[in-house]
C-alpha cells in the first residue's frame, strides 16, 4: 500500500491545494504555526428551532488538516460547523479553502433565513 492511500494529515499550500504529510510530528509543528481559521460568523439566537438555544448561533469554518477517512479523495481537510449552545446544527467537510468558504456562506445564508 502506498503512502498516498493512507494519508490522514495534510498541509495547506498557498495556492489552495493540499499536500500530504506522513509524519505526525512534522504536521503538528506546521499546524502550530498556521492560522486554521477560514471564517467565523455569529448569528442571533435560534429559539424557534431549539428550546435550549444559547444567545447566539456560531458558524465556524477551519482548516483541520486531517480527515476521518484517510482513503477519501479528494482529501476533506476543512470543516464547517454550526453551533447553537451545545447543539451542533450542521457539520460539513470540504476539500479546498474556496469550497469551505462557499459552504460557510451557504450555511450562514440558510440559518439567517430561519431566524
Protein backbone atom coordinates (compact mmCIF):
# COMPACT_ATOMS: atom_id res chain seq x y z
CA UNK A 1 0.00 0.00 0.00
CA UNK A 2 1.46 3.36 -0.97
CA UNK A 3 1.71 6.31 1.43
CA UNK A 4 -0.86 8.26 -0.55
CA UNK A 5 -3.62 5.71 0.06
CA UNK A 6 -3.36 6.03 3.86
CA UNK A 7 -2.74 9.74 4.32
CA UNK A 8 -4.51 11.25 7.33
CA UNK A 9 -2.56 14.53 7.64
CA UNK A 10 -2.43 17.42 5.19
CA UNK A 11 -0.62 20.71 4.70
CA UNK A 12 -2.45 23.68 3.18
CA UNK A 13 -0.48 25.32 0.36
CA UNK A 14 -0.62 28.98 -0.64
CA UNK A 15 -2.27 28.04 -3.95
CA UNK A 16 -5.34 26.43 -2.27
CA UNK A 17 -4.05 22.89 -2.74
CA UNK A 18 -3.32 20.24 -0.14
CA UNK A 19 -0.10 18.28 0.24
CA UNK A 20 0.08 15.02 2.16
CA UNK A 21 2.19 14.70 5.28
CA UNK A 22 3.31 11.29 6.54
CA UNK A 23 4.95 12.44 9.78
CA UNK A 24 2.50 13.45 12.53
CA UNK A 25 5.17 15.41 14.44
CA UNK A 26 6.11 17.43 11.35
CA UNK A 27 2.40 18.03 10.67
CA UNK A 28 1.72 19.13 14.28
CA UNK A 29 4.66 21.56 14.20
CA UNK A 30 3.47 23.03 10.90
CA UNK A 31 -0.11 23.28 12.17
CA UNK A 32 1.02 25.11 15.34
CA UNK A 33 2.39 27.91 13.10
CA UNK A 34 -0.63 28.00 10.76
CA UNK A 35 -3.80 30.03 11.31
CA UNK A 36 -6.58 27.48 10.78
CA UNK A 37 -9.49 29.94 10.68
CA UNK A 38 -11.23 30.28 7.32
CA UNK A 39 -14.34 32.12 8.61
CA UNK A 40 -16.39 32.65 11.77
CA UNK A 41 -19.86 34.18 11.79
CA UNK A 42 -22.04 34.88 14.81
CA UNK A 43 -25.80 34.94 14.27
CA UNK A 44 -28.68 35.73 16.59
CA UNK A 45 -30.45 33.12 18.74
CA UNK A 46 -32.33 30.20 17.20
CA UNK A 47 -35.08 29.94 19.86
CA UNK A 48 -37.70 28.95 17.32
CA UNK A 49 -35.67 25.88 16.36
CA UNK A 50 -34.15 24.81 19.66
CA UNK A 51 -35.66 25.16 23.12
CA UNK A 52 -32.17 25.14 24.73
CA UNK A 53 -30.57 27.60 22.27
CA UNK A 54 -27.92 29.94 23.57
CA UNK A 55 -27.98 33.69 22.97
CA UNK A 56 -26.37 33.18 19.56
CA UNK A 57 -25.55 30.69 16.83
CA UNK A 58 -21.96 30.34 15.66
CA UNK A 59 -20.83 29.14 12.23
CA UNK A 60 -17.16 28.20 12.22
CA UNK A 61 -15.04 27.07 9.28
CA UNK A 62 -11.46 25.94 9.88
CA UNK A 63 -8.63 24.02 8.27
CA UNK A 64 -8.33 20.89 10.43
CA UNK A 65 -5.59 19.27 8.36
CA UNK A 66 -6.80 15.77 8.98
CA UNK A 67 -9.78 13.73 7.88
CA UNK A 68 -11.85 10.93 9.39
CA UNK A 69 -11.50 8.70 6.32
CA UNK A 70 -7.84 8.56 5.24
CA UNK A 71 -8.80 6.91 1.93
CA UNK A 72 -11.22 9.63 0.80
CA UNK A 73 -10.17 11.54 -2.29
CA UNK A 74 -10.06 14.39 -2.67
CA UNK A 75 -8.97 14.96 0.90
CA UNK A 76 -11.54 16.74 3.06
CA UNK A 77 -9.37 18.78 5.43
CA UNK A 78 -11.70 21.74 6.12
CA UNK A 79 -14.65 21.63 8.49
CA UNK A 80 -17.68 23.90 8.75
CA UNK A 81 -19.81 23.53 11.89
CA UNK A 82 -22.85 25.50 13.08
CA UNK A 83 -23.45 25.51 16.85
CA UNK A 84 -26.28 26.84 18.94
CA UNK A 85 -25.27 26.45 22.55
CA UNK A 86 -24.00 22.88 22.85
CA UNK A 87 -26.07 21.67 19.91
CA UNK A 88 -24.45 21.03 16.54
CA UNK A 89 -26.89 22.18 13.87
CA UNK A 90 -24.79 21.22 10.86
CA UNK A 91 -21.35 19.82 10.04
CA UNK A 92 -19.75 19.56 6.62
CA UNK A 93 -16.26 18.71 5.37
CA UNK A 94 -14.70 20.39 2.32
CA UNK A 95 -11.75 19.73 0.05
CA UNK A 96 -10.44 23.25 -0.54
CA UNK A 97 -10.42 26.69 1.06
CA UNK A 98 -12.67 28.00 -1.74
CA UNK A 99 -15.18 25.19 -1.23
CA UNK A 100 -15.05 25.69 2.56
CA UNK A 101 -15.65 29.43 2.18
CA UNK A 102 -18.66 28.78 -0.06
CA UNK A 103 -20.00 26.15 2.35
CA UNK A 104 -19.68 28.66 5.20
CA UNK A 105 -21.51 31.39 3.26
CA UNK A 106 -24.28 28.99 2.20
CA UNK A 107 -24.83 27.82 5.78
CA UNK A 108 -24.90 31.38 7.15
CA UNK A 109 -27.47 32.32 4.49
CA UNK A 110 -29.60 29.26 5.23
CA UNK A 111 -29.55 29.78 9.01
CA UNK A 112 -30.21 33.51 8.68
CA UNK A 113 -33.34 32.77 6.67
CA UNK A 114 -34.65 30.58 9.52
CA UNK A 115 -34.41 33.30 12.15
